[in-house]
């Protein structure tokens, strides 16, 4: 994958994060992502930096979605 494609994917994942936070009404902490200091607008950062950011952001989003699914209450079935 080219650097430009990684930056685009990084931007898309950042939008998914915003959408997920808006949908759930929470602000999720992504410590491993935040510690990298790489944003989709950081075009001066290396391809490797963006790749690490994409993986960290994707891991954080999926972990939070998994946690949200596990803690959702399932309505009782009507008999």
N, C-alpha and C. Protein backbone atom coordinates (compact mmCIF):
# COMPACT_ATOMS: atom_id res chain seq x y z
N UNK A 1 0.85 -1.17 0.00
CA UNK A 1 0.00 0.00 0.00
C UNK A 1 0.90 1.24 0.00
N UNK A 2 0.50 2.19 -0.80
CA UNK A 2 1.27 3.43 -0.90
C UNK A 2 0.98 4.34 0.28
N UNK A 3 1.90 5.27 0.53
CA UNK A 3 1.74 6.20 1.65
C UNK A 3 0.46 7.00 1.53
N UNK A 4 0.15 7.47 0.35
CA UNK A 4 -1.06 8.26 0.15
C UNK A 4 -2.31 7.44 0.48
N UNK A 5 -2.29 6.17 0.13
CA UNK A 5 -3.43 5.28 0.44
C UNK A 5 -3.56 5.08 1.94
N UNK A 6 -2.43 4.93 2.63
CA UNK A 6 -2.46 4.78 4.09
C UNK A 6 -3.00 6.04 4.77
N UNK A 7 -2.61 7.19 4.26
CA UNK A 7 -3.12 8.45 4.82
C UNK A 7 -4.62 8.54 4.62
N UNK A 8 -5.09 8.12 3.45
CA UNK A 8 -6.53 8.13 3.18
C UNK A 8 -7.25 7.16 4.13
N UNK A 9 -6.73 5.96 4.28
CA UNK A 9 -7.33 4.98 5.20
C UNK A 9 -7.32 5.51 6.63
N UNK A 10 -6.24 6.15 7.01
CA UNK A 10 -6.12 6.74 8.34
C UNK A 10 -7.24 7.77 8.56
N UNK A 11 -7.47 8.60 7.56
CA UNK A 11 -8.55 9.59 7.63
C UNK A 11 -9.92 8.95 7.74
N UNK A 12 -10.13 7.89 6.99
CA UNK A 12 -11.42 7.18 7.05
C UNK A 12 -11.65 6.56 8.42
N UNK A 13 -10.61 5.97 8.99
CA UNK A 13 -10.74 5.39 10.33
C UNK A 13 -10.99 6.46 11.38
N UNK A 14 -10.41 7.62 11.21
CA UNK A 14 -10.66 8.73 12.14
C UNK A 14 -12.14 9.12 12.08
N UNK A 15 -12.72 9.11 10.88
CA UNK A 15 -14.15 9.41 10.73
C UNK A 15 -15.02 8.31 11.35
N UNK A 16 -14.61 7.06 11.20
CA UNK A 16 -15.33 5.95 11.82
C UNK A 16 -15.31 6.12 13.34
N UNK A 17 -14.17 6.53 13.87
CA UNK A 17 -14.04 6.77 15.31
C UNK A 17 -15.03 7.84 15.75
N UNK A 18 -15.08 8.96 15.02
CA UNK A 18 -16.02 10.03 15.37
C UNK A 18 -17.46 9.55 15.32
N UNK A 19 -17.78 8.80 14.28
CA UNK A 19 -19.14 8.29 14.13
C UNK A 19 -19.50 7.34 15.28
N UNK A 20 -18.57 6.47 15.61
CA UNK A 20 -18.81 5.51 16.70
C UNK A 20 -19.01 6.24 18.03
N UNK A 21 -18.18 7.23 18.29
CA UNK A 21 -18.32 7.99 19.54
C UNK A 21 -19.63 8.75 19.58
N UNK A 22 -20.06 9.28 18.44
CA UNK A 22 -21.33 10.00 18.39
C UNK A 22 -22.50 9.04 18.57
N UNK A 23 -22.40 7.86 17.99
CA UNK A 23 -23.46 6.86 18.09
C UNK A 23 -23.62 6.32 19.51
N UNK A 24 -22.49 6.12 20.16
CA UNK A 24 -22.53 5.55 21.51
C UNK A 24 -22.64 6.62 22.59
N UNK A 25 -22.37 7.87 22.22
CA UNK A 25 -22.43 8.96 23.19
C UNK A 25 -21.28 8.97 24.17
N UNK A 26 -20.20 8.33 23.80
CA UNK A 26 -19.03 8.28 24.68
C UNK A 26 -17.80 8.80 23.96
N UNK A 27 -16.81 9.15 24.72
CA UNK A 27 -15.51 9.53 24.18
C UNK A 27 -14.53 8.45 24.61
N UNK A 28 -14.05 7.71 23.65
CA UNK A 28 -13.20 6.57 23.95
C UNK A 28 -11.74 6.98 23.91
N UNK A 29 -10.98 6.51 24.86
CA UNK A 29 -9.55 6.77 24.91
C UNK A 29 -8.81 5.72 24.09
N UNK A 30 -7.96 6.16 23.22
CA UNK A 30 -7.13 5.28 22.40
C UNK A 30 -5.68 5.60 22.73
N UNK A 31 -5.23 5.12 23.87
CA UNK A 31 -3.90 5.48 24.36
C UNK A 31 -2.78 5.12 23.39
N UNK A 32 -2.83 3.91 22.84
CA UNK A 32 -1.74 3.51 21.94
C UNK A 32 -1.74 4.36 20.67
N UNK A 33 -2.92 4.74 20.19
CA UNK A 33 -3.01 5.62 19.02
C UNK A 33 -2.54 7.03 19.35
N UNK A 34 -3.05 7.56 20.45
CA UNK A 34 -2.71 8.93 20.85
C UNK A 34 -1.21 9.08 21.11
N UNK A 35 -0.59 8.06 21.68
CA UNK A 35 0.84 8.15 22.01
C UNK A 35 1.73 8.22 20.77
N UNK A 36 1.22 7.79 19.62
CA UNK A 36 2.02 7.84 18.39
C UNK A 36 2.19 9.27 17.88
N UNK A 37 1.20 10.11 18.15
CA UNK A 37 1.29 11.50 17.70
C UNK A 37 1.16 11.67 16.20
N UNK A 38 0.50 10.72 15.54
CA UNK A 38 0.32 10.77 14.10
C UNK A 38 -1.16 10.95 13.81
N UNK A 39 -1.49 11.96 13.05
CA UNK A 39 -2.87 12.24 12.67
C UNK A 39 -3.00 12.09 11.16
N UNK A 40 -4.21 11.94 10.65
CA UNK A 40 -4.37 11.83 9.19
C UNK A 40 -3.81 13.04 8.44
N UNK A 41 -3.76 14.17 9.12
CA UNK A 41 -3.23 15.39 8.49
C UNK A 41 -1.71 15.51 8.60
N UNK A 42 -1.08 14.56 9.27
CA UNK A 42 0.39 14.58 9.45
C UNK A 42 1.07 13.99 8.22
N UNK A 43 0.96 14.69 7.10
CA UNK A 43 1.48 14.13 5.84
C UNK A 43 3.01 14.06 5.81
N UNK A 44 3.66 14.78 6.69
CA UNK A 44 5.12 14.74 6.76
C UNK A 44 5.64 13.49 7.47
N UNK A 45 4.76 12.79 8.18
CA UNK A 45 5.18 11.58 8.89
C UNK A 45 5.41 10.46 7.88
N UNK A 46 6.18 9.47 8.28
CA UNK A 46 6.54 8.39 7.36
C UNK A 46 5.39 7.42 7.13
N UNK A 47 5.55 6.64 6.09
CA UNK A 47 4.57 5.60 5.77
C UNK A 47 4.45 4.62 6.95
N UNK A 48 5.58 4.29 7.56
CA UNK A 48 5.59 3.37 8.71
C UNK A 48 4.81 3.95 9.88
N UNK A 49 4.95 5.26 10.10
CA UNK A 49 4.20 5.92 11.19
C UNK A 49 2.70 5.84 10.95
N UNK A 50 2.28 6.10 9.71
CA UNK A 50 0.85 6.04 9.39
C UNK A 50 0.32 4.60 9.48
N UNK A 51 1.14 3.65 9.09
CA UNK A 51 0.74 2.24 9.18
C UNK A 51 0.51 1.85 10.63
N UNK A 52 1.41 2.26 11.51
CA UNK A 52 1.26 1.97 12.94
C UNK A 52 0.01 2.65 13.49
N UNK A 53 -0.25 3.87 13.04
CA UNK A 53 -1.42 4.61 13.51
C UNK A 53 -2.71 3.94 13.04
N UNK A 54 -2.73 3.46 11.80
CA UNK A 54 -3.90 2.78 11.26
C UNK A 54 -4.20 1.52 12.09
N UNK A 55 -3.17 0.73 12.36
CA UNK A 55 -3.38 -0.48 13.15
C UNK A 55 -3.84 -0.17 14.57
N UNK A 56 -3.24 0.83 15.19
CA UNK A 56 -3.62 1.19 16.57
C UNK A 56 -5.04 1.72 16.61
N UNK A 57 -5.42 2.54 15.65
CA UNK A 57 -6.77 3.09 15.61
C UNK A 57 -7.79 2.01 15.33
N UNK A 58 -7.50 1.13 14.38
CA UNK A 58 -8.42 0.03 14.07
C UNK A 58 -8.58 -0.90 15.27
N UNK A 59 -7.49 -1.20 15.96
CA UNK A 59 -7.57 -2.05 17.16
C UNK A 59 -8.43 -1.39 18.23
N UNK A 60 -8.24 -0.10 18.44
CA UNK A 60 -9.02 0.62 19.44
C UNK A 60 -10.50 0.66 19.12
N UNK A 61 -10.83 0.90 17.86
CA UNK A 61 -12.23 0.96 17.44
C UNK A 61 -12.89 -0.40 17.60
N UNK A 62 -12.24 -1.45 17.12
CA UNK A 62 -12.85 -2.78 17.21
C UNK A 62 -12.97 -3.24 18.65
N UNK A 63 -11.99 -2.93 19.48
CA UNK A 63 -12.07 -3.32 20.89
C UNK A 63 -13.23 -2.62 21.57
N UNK A 64 -13.43 -1.34 21.27
CA UNK A 64 -14.53 -0.61 21.88
C UNK A 64 -15.88 -1.11 21.37
N UNK A 65 -15.96 -1.42 20.09
CA UNK A 65 -17.21 -1.97 19.54
C UNK A 65 -17.53 -3.32 20.17
N UNK A 66 -16.50 -4.13 20.34
CA UNK A 66 -16.68 -5.44 20.97
C UNK A 66 -17.18 -5.26 22.41
N UNK A 67 -16.58 -4.32 23.12
CA UNK A 67 -16.98 -4.04 24.50
C UNK A 67 -18.42 -3.52 24.54
N UNK A 68 -18.77 -2.67 23.60
CA UNK A 68 -20.14 -2.13 23.55
C UNK A 68 -21.16 -3.23 23.32
N UNK A 69 -20.84 -4.16 22.43
CA UNK A 69 -21.74 -5.27 22.15
C UNK A 69 -21.92 -6.17 23.37
N UNK A 70 -20.84 -6.39 24.09
CA UNK A 70 -20.89 -7.26 25.26
C UNK A 70 -21.71 -6.64 26.40
N UNK A 71 -21.71 -5.33 26.50
CA UNK A 71 -22.40 -4.68 27.61
C UNK A 71 -23.82 -4.24 27.26
N UNK A 72 -24.22 -4.39 26.00
CA UNK A 72 -25.59 -4.04 25.64
C UNK A 72 -26.55 -5.00 26.30
N UNK A 73 -27.68 -4.45 26.71
CA UNK A 73 -28.71 -5.30 27.29
C UNK A 73 -29.58 -5.82 26.16
N UNK A 74 -29.84 -7.10 26.22
CA UNK A 74 -30.67 -7.73 25.20
C UNK A 74 -32.09 -7.78 25.72
N UNK A 75 -33.06 -7.23 24.97
CA UNK A 75 -34.45 -7.26 25.44
C UNK A 75 -34.97 -8.68 25.52
N UNK A 76 -35.81 -8.93 26.51
CA UNK A 76 -36.39 -10.25 26.69
C UNK A 76 -37.35 -10.54 25.54
N UNK A 77 -37.38 -11.78 25.11
CA UNK A 77 -38.26 -12.18 24.02
C UNK A 77 -39.68 -12.26 24.54
N UNK A 78 -40.60 -11.77 23.71
CA UNK A 78 -42.02 -11.81 24.08
C UNK A 78 -42.56 -13.20 23.81
N UNK A 79 -43.30 -13.75 24.74
CA UNK A 79 -43.87 -15.09 24.56
C UNK A 79 -45.27 -15.04 24.04
